[in-house]
């Protein structure tokens, strides 16, 4: 779980009976079961509630993936412009 946009990161075993304390509330993780990775939830009076946008569940997984991982990077050995001789000269 990413709480408050990185303020707190926590890992939990996602089981129907699992709970997590967020702020002063103890919330069941049951609403997370079956939801896609990156789905957004808010803490409501009765626990975790999916964030809704025009009646559709909001899923930020795609937007977060673009900024938080390296899957779009291509490793073709062109990033290193220094030769091994240049590196040895800098070490000396």
PDB file of N, CA and C in Angstrom:
ATOM      1  N   UNK A   1       0.840  -1.179   0.000  1.00  0.00           N
ATOM      2  CA  UNK A   1       0.000   0.000   0.000  1.00  0.00           C
ATOM      3  C   UNK A   1       0.880   1.235   0.000  1.00  0.00           C
ATOM      4  N   UNK A   2       0.511   2.186  -0.800  1.00  0.00           N
ATOM      5  CA  UNK A   2       1.180   3.489  -0.854  1.00  0.00           C
ATOM      6  C   UNK A   2       0.201   4.471  -0.216  1.00  0.00           C
ATOM      7  N   UNK A   3       0.487   4.897   1.007  1.00  0.00           N
ATOM      8  CA  UNK A   3      -0.416   5.761   1.752  1.00  0.00           C
ATOM      9  C   UNK A   3       0.039   7.204   1.615  1.00  0.00           C
ATOM     10  N   UNK A   4      -0.889   8.079   1.262  1.00  0.00           N
ATOM     11  CA  UNK A   4      -0.619   9.513   1.110  1.00  0.00           C
ATOM     12  C   UNK A   4       0.489   9.794   0.110  1.00  0.00           C
ATOM     13  N   UNK A   5       0.422   9.155  -1.041  1.00  0.00           N
ATOM     14  CA  UNK A   5       1.352   9.395  -2.146  1.00  0.00           C
ATOM     15  C   UNK A   5       2.810   9.277  -1.709  1.00  0.00           C
ATOM     16  N   UNK A   6       3.140   8.153  -1.095  1.00  0.00           N
ATOM     17  CA  UNK A   6       4.520   7.874  -0.712  1.00  0.00           C
ATOM     18  C   UNK A   6       4.867   8.247   0.712  1.00  0.00           C
ATOM     19  N   UNK A   7       3.943   8.846   1.443  1.00  0.00           N
ATOM     20  CA  UNK A   7       4.190   9.208   2.842  1.00  0.00           C
ATOM     21  C   UNK A   7       4.493   7.964   3.669  1.00  0.00           C
ATOM     22  N   UNK A   8       3.822   6.874   3.336  1.00  0.00           N
ATOM     23  CA  UNK A   8       4.046   5.605   4.034  1.00  0.00           C
ATOM     24  C   UNK A   8       3.842   4.470   3.043  1.00  0.00           C
ATOM     25  N   UNK A   9       4.798   3.588   2.956  1.00  0.00           N
ATOM     26  CA  UNK A   9       4.686   2.404   2.118  1.00  0.00           C
ATOM     27  C   UNK A   9       4.650   1.183   3.024  1.00  0.00           C
ATOM     28  N   UNK A  10       3.739   0.262   2.747  1.00  0.00           N
ATOM     29  CA  UNK A  10       3.612  -0.912   3.587  1.00  0.00           C
ATOM     30  C   UNK A  10       3.212  -2.106   2.736  1.00  0.00           C
ATOM     31  N   UNK A  11       3.669  -3.280   3.133  1.00  0.00           N
ATOM     32  CA  UNK A  11       3.341  -4.520   2.444  1.00  0.00           C
ATOM     33  C   UNK A  11       2.498  -5.383   3.365  1.00  0.00           C
ATOM     34  N   UNK A  12       1.473  -5.996   2.792  1.00  0.00           N
ATOM     35  CA  UNK A  12       0.571  -6.842   3.558  1.00  0.00           C
ATOM     36  C   UNK A  12       0.246  -8.085   2.745  1.00  0.00           C
ATOM     37  N   UNK A  13      -0.011  -9.168   3.436  1.00  0.00           N
ATOM     38  CA  UNK A  13      -0.530 -10.364   2.774  1.00  0.00           C
ATOM     39  C   UNK A  13      -2.018 -10.108   2.570  1.00  0.00           C
ATOM     40  N   UNK A  14      -2.442 -10.108   1.325  1.00  0.00           N
ATOM     41  CA  UNK A  14      -3.820  -9.773   0.998  1.00  0.00           C
ATOM     42  C   UNK A  14      -4.711 -11.007   1.137  1.00  0.00           C
ATOM     43  N   UNK A  15      -5.382 -11.066   2.263  1.00  0.00           N
ATOM     44  CA  UNK A  15      -6.325 -12.140   2.536  1.00  0.00           C
ATOM     45  C   UNK A  15      -7.656 -11.503   2.912  1.00  0.00           C
ATOM     46  N   UNK A  16      -8.753 -12.238   2.804  1.00  0.00           N
ATOM     47  CA  UNK A  16     -10.058 -11.653   3.124  1.00  0.00           C
ATOM     48  C   UNK A  16     -10.156 -11.097   4.547  1.00  0.00           C
ATOM     49  N   UNK A  17      -9.414 -11.653   5.500  1.00  0.00           N
ATOM     50  CA  UNK A  17      -9.505 -11.195   6.883  1.00  0.00           C
ATOM     51  C   UNK A  17      -8.453 -10.174   7.280  1.00  0.00           C
ATOM     52  N   UNK A  18      -7.566  -9.784   6.362  1.00  0.00           N
ATOM     53  CA  UNK A  18      -6.474  -8.862   6.707  1.00  0.00           C
ATOM     54  C   UNK A  18      -7.006  -7.460   6.966  1.00  0.00           C
ATOM     55  N   UNK A  19      -6.361  -6.765   7.921  1.00  0.00           N
ATOM     56  CA  UNK A  19      -6.709  -5.370   8.214  1.00  0.00           C
ATOM     57  C   UNK A  19      -5.439  -4.547   8.287  1.00  0.00           C
ATOM     58  N   UNK A  20      -5.585  -3.243   8.130  1.00  0.00           N
ATOM     59  CA  UNK A  20      -4.471  -2.312   8.223  1.00  0.00           C
ATOM     60  C   UNK A  20      -4.959  -1.076   8.981  1.00  0.00           C
ATOM     61  N   UNK A  21      -4.081  -0.516   9.778  1.00  0.00           N
ATOM     62  CA  UNK A  21      -4.420   0.707  10.505  1.00  0.00           C
ATOM     63  C   UNK A  21      -3.912   1.893   9.693  1.00  0.00           C
ATOM     64  N   UNK A  22      -4.817   2.745   9.264  1.00  0.00           N
ATOM     65  CA  UNK A  22      -4.491   3.960   8.513  1.00  0.00           C
ATOM     66  C   UNK A  22      -5.014   5.130   9.331  1.00  0.00           C
ATOM     67  N   UNK A  23      -4.098   5.945   9.808  1.00  0.00           N
ATOM     68  CA  UNK A  23      -4.488   7.019  10.714  1.00  0.00           C
ATOM     69  C   UNK A  23      -5.015   6.408  11.996  1.00  0.00           C
ATOM     70  N   UNK A  24      -6.237   6.777  12.367  1.00  0.00           N
ATOM     71  CA  UNK A  24      -6.820   6.214  13.582  1.00  0.00           C
ATOM     72  C   UNK A  24      -7.873   5.151  13.271  1.00  0.00           C
ATOM     73  N   UNK A  25      -7.975   4.747  11.998  1.00  0.00           N
ATOM     74  CA  UNK A  25      -8.955   3.744  11.595  1.00  0.00           C
ATOM     75  C   UNK A  25      -8.306   2.407  11.278  1.00  0.00           C
ATOM     76  N   UNK A  26      -8.953   1.349  11.654  1.00  0.00           N
ATOM     77  CA  UNK A  26      -8.536   0.009  11.275  1.00  0.00           C
ATOM     78  C   UNK A  26      -9.426  -0.399  10.103  1.00  0.00           C
ATOM     79  N   UNK A  27      -8.809  -0.647   8.942  1.00  0.00           N
ATOM     80  CA  UNK A  27      -9.554  -0.910   7.713  1.00  0.00           C
ATOM     81  C   UNK A  27      -9.315  -2.332   7.234  1.00  0.00           C
ATOM     82  N   UNK A  28     -10.384  -2.971   6.797  1.00  0.00           N
ATOM     83  CA  UNK A  28     -10.284  -4.295   6.197  1.00  0.00           C
ATOM     84  C   UNK A  28      -9.698  -4.151   4.797  1.00  0.00           C
ATOM     85  N   UNK A  29      -8.864  -5.116   4.404  1.00  0.00           N
ATOM     86  CA  UNK A  29      -8.303  -5.112   3.055  1.00  0.00           C
ATOM     87  C   UNK A  29      -9.196  -5.867   2.065  1.00  0.00           C
ATOM     88  N   UNK A  30     -10.339  -6.329   2.507  1.00  0.00           N
ATOM     89  CA  UNK A  30     -11.286  -7.057   1.662  1.00  0.00           C
ATOM     90  C   UNK A  30     -11.636  -6.294   0.377  1.00  0.00           C
ATOM     91  N   UNK A  31     -11.856  -4.965   0.402  1.00  0.00           N
ATOM     92  CA  UNK A  31     -12.202  -4.255  -0.834  1.00  0.00           C
ATOM     93  C   UNK A  31     -11.100  -4.297  -1.898  1.00  0.00           C
ATOM     94  N   UNK A  32      -9.860  -4.604  -1.515  1.00  0.00           N
ATOM     95  CA  UNK A  32      -8.764  -4.648  -2.481  1.00  0.00           C
ATOM     96  C   UNK A  32      -8.764  -5.930  -3.302  1.00  0.00           C
ATOM     97  N   UNK A  33      -9.396  -6.980  -2.790  1.00  0.00           N
ATOM     98  CA  UNK A  33      -9.403  -8.266  -3.488  1.00  0.00           C
ATOM     99  C   UNK A  33     -10.081  -8.125  -4.854  1.00  0.00           C
ATOM    100  N   UNK A  34      -9.403  -8.592  -5.896  1.00  0.00           N
ATOM    101  CA  UNK A  34      -9.958  -8.568  -7.241  1.00  0.00           C
ATOM    102  C   UNK A  34      -9.794  -7.255  -7.980  1.00  0.00           C
ATOM    103  N   UNK A  35      -9.211  -6.255  -7.339  1.00  0.00           N
ATOM    104  CA  UNK A  35      -9.030  -4.953  -7.986  1.00  0.00           C
ATOM    105  C   UNK A  35      -7.698  -4.925  -8.720  1.00  0.00           C
ATOM    106  N   UNK A  36      -7.607  -4.195  -9.842  1.00  0.00           N
ATOM    107  CA  UNK A  36      -6.344  -4.134 -10.584  1.00  0.00           C
ATOM    108  C   UNK A  36      -5.269  -3.375  -9.812  1.00  0.00           C
ATOM    109  N   UNK A  37      -4.010  -3.720 -10.084  1.00  0.00           N
ATOM    110  CA  UNK A  37      -2.876  -3.040  -9.454  1.00  0.00           C
ATOM    111  C   UNK A  37      -2.949  -1.547  -9.746  1.00  0.00           C
ATOM    112  N   UNK A  38      -2.710  -0.735  -8.734  1.00  0.00           N
ATOM    113  CA  UNK A  38      -2.707   0.711  -8.897  1.00  0.00           C
ATOM    114  C   UNK A  38      -4.053   1.370  -8.646  1.00  0.00           C
ATOM    115  N   UNK A  39      -5.079   0.580  -8.321  1.00  0.00           N
ATOM    116  CA  UNK A  39      -6.390   1.166  -8.039  1.00  0.00           C
ATOM    117  C   UNK A  39      -6.286   2.093  -6.833  1.00  0.00           C
ATOM    118  N   UNK A  40      -7.060   3.154  -6.868  1.00  0.00           N
ATOM    119  CA  UNK A  40      -7.032   4.141  -5.789  1.00  0.00           C
ATOM    120  C   UNK A  40      -8.223   3.950  -4.860  1.00  0.00           C
ATOM    121  N   UNK A  41      -7.960   4.080  -3.572  1.00  0.00           N
ATOM    122  CA  UNK A  41      -8.983   3.968  -2.544  1.00  0.00           C
ATOM    123  C   UNK A  41      -8.850   5.141  -1.602  1.00  0.00           C
ATOM    124  N   UNK A  42      -9.924   5.452  -0.921  1.00  0.00           N
ATOM    125  CA  UNK A  42      -9.879   6.464   0.144  1.00  0.00           C
ATOM    126  C   UNK A  42     -10.431   5.835   1.407  1.00  0.00           C
ATOM    127  N   UNK A  43     -10.050   6.409   2.533  1.00  0.00           N
ATOM    128  CA  UNK A  43     -10.554   5.915   3.815  1.00  0.00           C
ATOM    129  C   UNK A  43     -11.868   6.622   4.088  1.00  0.00           C
ATOM    130  N   UNK A  44     -12.941   5.855   4.117  1.00  0.00           N
ATOM    131  CA  UNK A  44     -14.264   6.394   4.407  1.00  0.00           C
ATOM    132  C   UNK A  44     -14.685   6.024   5.812  1.00  0.00           C
ATOM    133  N   UNK A  45     -15.884   6.389   6.178  1.00  0.00           N
ATOM    134  CA  UNK A  45     -16.354   6.081   7.538  1.00  0.00           C
ATOM    135  C   UNK A  45     -16.464   4.581   7.813  1.00  0.00           C
ATOM    136  N   UNK A  46     -16.654   3.788   6.752  1.00  0.00           N
ATOM    137  CA  UNK A  46     -16.794   2.344   6.926  1.00  0.00           C
ATOM    138  C   UNK A  46     -15.575   1.576   6.436  1.00  0.00           C
ATOM    139  N   UNK A  47     -14.459   2.249   6.207  1.00  0.00           N
ATOM    140  CA  UNK A  47     -13.247   1.567   5.746  1.00  0.00           C
ATOM    141  C   UNK A  47     -12.813   2.058   4.374  1.00  0.00           C
ATOM    142  N   UNK A  48     -12.132   1.184   3.628  1.00  0.00           N
ATOM    143  CA  UNK A  48     -11.600   1.565   2.317  1.00  0.00           C
ATOM    144  C   UNK A  48     -12.704   1.582   1.269  1.00  0.00           C
ATOM    145  N   UNK A  49     -12.755   2.686   0.516  1.00  0.00           N
ATOM    146  CA  UNK A  49     -13.729   2.839  -0.555  1.00  0.00           C
ATOM    147  C   UNK A  49     -12.994   3.174  -1.836  1.00  0.00           C
ATOM    148  N   UNK A  50     -13.374   2.550  -2.973  1.00  0.00           N
ATOM    149  CA  UNK A  50     -12.707   2.886  -4.234  1.00  0.00           C
ATOM    150  C   UNK A  50     -12.990   4.329  -4.608  1.00  0.00           C
ATOM    151  N   UNK A  51     -11.983   5.028  -5.114  1.00  0.00           N
ATOM    152  CA  UNK A  51     -12.189   6.378  -5.624  1.00  0.00           C
ATOM    153  C   UNK A  51     -12.990   6.263  -6.905  1.00  0.00           C
ATOM    154  N   UNK A  52     -13.974   7.100  -7.060  1.00  0.00           N
ATOM    155  CA  UNK A  52     -14.850   7.020  -8.228  1.00  0.00           C
ATOM    156  C   UNK A  52     -14.725   8.303  -9.041  1.00  0.00           C
ATOM    157  N   UNK A  53     -14.823   8.143 -10.379  1.00  0.00           N
ATOM    158  CA  UNK A  53     -14.792   9.276 -11.293  1.00  0.00           C
ATOM    159  C   UNK A  53     -15.886   9.046 -12.319  1.00  0.00           C
ATOM    160  N   UNK A  54     -16.957   9.808 -12.251  1.00  0.00           N
ATOM    161  CA  UNK A  54     -18.103   9.656 -13.145  1.00  0.00           C
ATOM    162  C   UNK A  54     -18.706   8.260 -13.072  1.00  0.00           C
ATOM    163  N   UNK A  55     -18.734   7.685 -11.880  1.00  0.00           N
ATOM    164  CA  UNK A  55     -19.335   6.385 -11.706  1.00  0.00           C
ATOM    165  C   UNK A  55     -18.448   5.212 -12.049  1.00  0.00           C
ATOM    166  N   UNK A  56     -17.249   5.461 -12.559  1.00  0.00           N
ATOM    167  CA  UNK A  56     -16.333   4.376 -12.916  1.00  0.00           C
ATOM    168  C   UNK A  56     -15.187   4.339 -11.924  1.00  0.00           C
ATOM    169  N   UNK A  57     -14.752   3.154 -11.506  1.00  0.00           N
ATOM    170  CA  UNK A  57     -13.588   3.079 -10.618  1.00  0.00           C
ATOM    171  C   UNK A  57     -12.378   3.707 -11.278  1.00  0.00           C
ATOM    172  N   UNK A  58     -11.629   4.435 -10.518  1.00  0.00           N
ATOM    173  CA  UNK A  58     -10.445   5.105 -11.031  1.00  0.00           C
ATOM    174  C   UNK A  58      -9.245   4.206 -10.829  1.00  0.00           C
ATOM    175  N   UNK A  59      -8.466   3.993 -11.887  1.00  0.00           N
ATOM    176  CA  UNK A  59      -7.285   3.140 -11.823  1.00  0.00           C
ATOM    177  C   UNK A  59      -6.085   3.951 -12.275  1.00  0.00           C
ATOM    178  N   UNK A  60      -5.179   4.269 -11.341  1.00  0.00           N
ATOM    179  CA  UNK A  60      -4.008   5.080 -11.669  1.00  0.00           C
ATOM    180  C   UNK A  60      -2.795   4.234 -11.988  1.00  0.00           C
ATOM    181  N   UNK A  61      -2.941   2.927 -12.095  1.00  0.00           N
ATOM    182  CA  UNK A  61      -1.804   2.051 -12.340  1.00  0.00           C
ATOM    183  C   UNK A  61      -1.027   2.428 -13.576  1.00  0.00           C
ATOM    184  N   UNK A  62      -1.706   2.733 -14.676  1.00  0.00           N
ATOM    185  CA  UNK A  62      -1.012   3.052 -15.929  1.00  0.00           C
ATOM    186  C   UNK A  62      -0.228   4.347 -15.794  1.00  0.00           C
ATOM    187  N   UNK A  63      -0.829   5.371 -15.189  1.00  0.00           N
ATOM    188  CA  UNK A  63      -0.128   6.649 -15.051  1.00  0.00           C
ATOM    189  C   UNK A  63       1.081   6.513 -14.129  1.00  0.00           C
ATOM    190  N   UNK A  64       0.941   5.753 -13.049  1.00  0.00           N
ATOM    191  CA  UNK A  64       2.056   5.583 -12.136  1.00  0.00           C
ATOM    192  C   UNK A  64       3.174   4.773 -12.765  1.00  0.00           C
ATOM    193  N   UNK A  65       2.819   3.761 -13.571  1.00  0.00           N
ATOM    194  CA  UNK A  65       3.838   2.924 -14.184  1.00  0.00           C
ATOM    195  C   UNK A  65       4.762   3.724 -15.077  1.00  0.00           C
ATOM    196  N   UNK A  66       4.224   4.723 -15.775  1.00  0.00           N
ATOM    197  CA  UNK A  66       5.036   5.526 -16.679  1.00  0.00           C
ATOM    198  C   UNK A  66       6.133   6.279 -15.928  1.00  0.00           C
ATOM    199  N   UNK A  67       5.856   6.684 -14.711  1.00  0.00           N
ATOM    200  CA  UNK A  67       6.817   7.492 -13.977  1.00  0.00           C
ATOM    201  C   UNK A  67       7.595   6.721 -12.933  1.00  0.00           C
ATOM    202  N   UNK A  68       7.214   5.493 -12.638  1.00  0.00           N
ATOM    203  CA  UNK A  68       7.832   4.793 -11.518  1.00  0.00           C
ATOM    204  C   UNK A  68       8.581   3.523 -11.884  1.00  0.00           C
ATOM    205  N   UNK A  69       8.745   3.234 -13.170  1.00  0.00           N
ATOM    206  CA  UNK A  69       9.511   2.049 -13.490  1.00  0.00           C
ATOM    207  C   UNK A  69      10.320   2.257 -14.766  1.00  0.00           C
ATOM    208  N   UNK A  70      11.130   1.276 -15.096  1.00  0.00           N
ATOM    209  CA  UNK A  70      12.062   1.397 -16.221  1.00  0.00           C
ATOM    210  C   UNK A  70      11.646   0.585 -17.433  1.00  0.00           C
ATOM    211  N   UNK A  71      10.408   0.140 -17.493  1.00  0.00           N
ATOM    212  CA  UNK A  71      10.031  -0.778 -18.568  1.00  0.00           C
ATOM    213  C   UNK A  71      10.122  -0.143 -19.951  1.00  0.00           C
ATOM    214  N   UNK A  72      10.049   1.183 -20.071  1.00  0.00           N
ATOM    215  CA  UNK A  72      10.120   1.807 -21.394  1.00  0.00           C
ATOM    216  C   UNK A  72      11.557   2.130 -21.816  1.00  0.00           C
ATOM    217  N   UNK A  73      12.523   1.917 -20.928  1.00  0.00           N
ATOM    218  CA  UNK A  73      13.919   2.183 -21.276  1.00  0.00           C
ATOM    219  C   UNK A  73      14.483   1.056 -22.129  1.00  0.00           C
ATOM    220  N   UNK A  74      15.307   1.436 -23.099  1.00  0.00           N
ATOM    221  CA  UNK A  74      15.935   0.450 -23.970  1.00  0.00           C
ATOM    222  C   UNK A  74      17.410   0.386 -23.625  1.00  0.00           C
ATOM    223  N   UNK A  75      17.905  -0.807 -23.305  1.00  0.00           N
ATOM    224  CA  UNK A  75      19.311  -0.987 -22.973  1.00  0.00           C
ATOM    225  C   UNK A  75      20.038  -1.486 -24.218  1.00  0.00           C
ATOM    226  N   UNK A  76      20.634  -0.537 -24.949  1.00  0.00           N
ATOM    227  CA  UNK A  76      21.349  -0.908 -26.166  1.00  0.00           C
ATOM    228  C   UNK A  76      22.819  -0.489 -26.115  1.00  0.00           C
ATOM    229  N   UNK A  77      23.334  -0.297 -24.903  1.00  0.00           N
ATOM    230  CA  UNK A  77      24.730   0.059 -24.659  1.00  0.00           C
ATOM    231  C   UNK A  77      25.169   1.363 -25.318  1.00  0.00           C
ATOM    232  N   UNK A  78      24.252   2.282 -25.553  1.00  0.00           N
ATOM    233  CA  UNK A  78      24.626   3.583 -26.105  1.00  0.00           C
ATOM    234  C   UNK A  78      24.650   4.667 -25.027  1.00  0.00           C
ATOM    235  N   UNK A  79      24.194   4.355 -23.809  1.00  0.00           N
ATOM    236  CA  UNK A  79      24.157   5.349 -22.746  1.00  0.00           C
ATOM    237  C   UNK A  79      25.563   5.699 -22.252  1.00  0.00           C
ATOM    238  N   UNK A  80      26.492   4.764 -22.294  1.00  0.00           N
ATOM    239  CA  UNK A  80      27.855   4.996 -21.822  1.00  0.00           C
ATOM    240  C   UNK A  80      28.696   5.518 -22.981  1.00  0.00           C
ATOM    241  N   UNK A  81      29.050   6.799 -22.908  1.00  0.00           N
ATOM    242  CA  UNK A  81      29.849   7.393 -23.986  1.00  0.00           C
ATOM    243  C   UNK A  81      31.336   7.356 -23.683  1.00  0.00           C
ATOM    244  N   UNK A  82      31.717   7.002 -22.466  1.00  0.00           N
ATOM    245  CA  UNK A  82      33.130   6.936 -22.113  1.00  0.00           C
ATOM    246  C   UNK A  82      33.703   5.575 -22.488  1.00  0.00           C
ATOM    247  N   UNK A  83      34.878   5.585 -23.027  1.00  0.00           N
ATOM    248  CA  UNK A  83      35.554   4.324 -23.325  1.00  0.00           C
ATOM    249  C   UNK A  83      36.244   3.827 -22.051  1.00  0.00           C
ATOM    250  N   UNK A  84      36.677   2.586 -22.064  1.00  0.00           N
ATOM    251  CA  UNK A  84      37.371   2.061 -20.891  1.00  0.00           C
ATOM    252  C   UNK A  84      38.664   2.829 -20.646  1.00  0.00           C
ATOM    253  N   UNK A  85      39.311   3.325 -21.718  1.00  0.00           N
ATOM    254  CA  UNK A  85      40.522   4.132 -21.559  1.00  0.00           C
ATOM    255  C   UNK A  85      40.206   5.462 -20.875  1.00  0.00           C
ATOM    256  N   UNK A  86      39.083   6.082 -21.225  1.00  0.00           N
ATOM    257  CA  UNK A  86      38.672   7.331 -20.582  1.00  0.00           C
ATOM    258  C   UNK A  86      38.436   7.122 -19.087  1.00  0.00           C
ATOM    259  N   UNK A  87      37.806   6.025 -18.742  1.00  0.00           N
ATOM    260  CA  UNK A  87      37.526   5.733 -17.340  1.00  0.00           C
ATOM    261  C   UNK A  87      38.815   5.499 -16.571  1.00  0.00           C
ATOM    262  N   UNK A  88      39.751   4.758 -17.158  1.00  0.00           N
ATOM    263  CA  UNK A  88      41.048   4.514 -16.508  1.00  0.00           C
ATOM    264  C   UNK A  88      41.810   5.813 -16.330  1.00  0.00           C
ATOM    265  N   UNK A  89      41.747   6.724 -17.312  1.00  0.00           N
ATOM    266  CA  UNK A  89      42.429   8.021 -17.197  1.00  0.00           C
ATOM    267  C   UNK A  89      41.826   8.849 -16.058  1.00  0.00           C
ATOM    268  N   UNK A  90      40.519   8.794 -15.905  1.00  0.00           N
ATOM    269  CA  UNK A  90      39.877   9.531 -14.807  1.00  0.00           C
ATOM    270  C   UNK A  90      40.259   8.941 -13.461  1.00  0.00           C
ATOM    271  N   UNK A  91      40.399   7.620 -13.383  1.00  0.00           N
ATOM    272  CA  UNK A  91      40.802   6.979 -12.130  1.00  0.00           C
ATOM    273  C   UNK A  91      42.205   7.404 -11.728  1.00  0.00           C
ATOM    274  N   UNK A  92      43.089   7.528 -12.719  1.00  0.00           N
ATOM    275  CA  UNK A  92      44.470   7.951 -12.411  1.00  0.00           C
ATOM    276  C   UNK A  92      44.467   9.397 -11.985  1.00  0.00           C
TER     277      UNK A  92
END
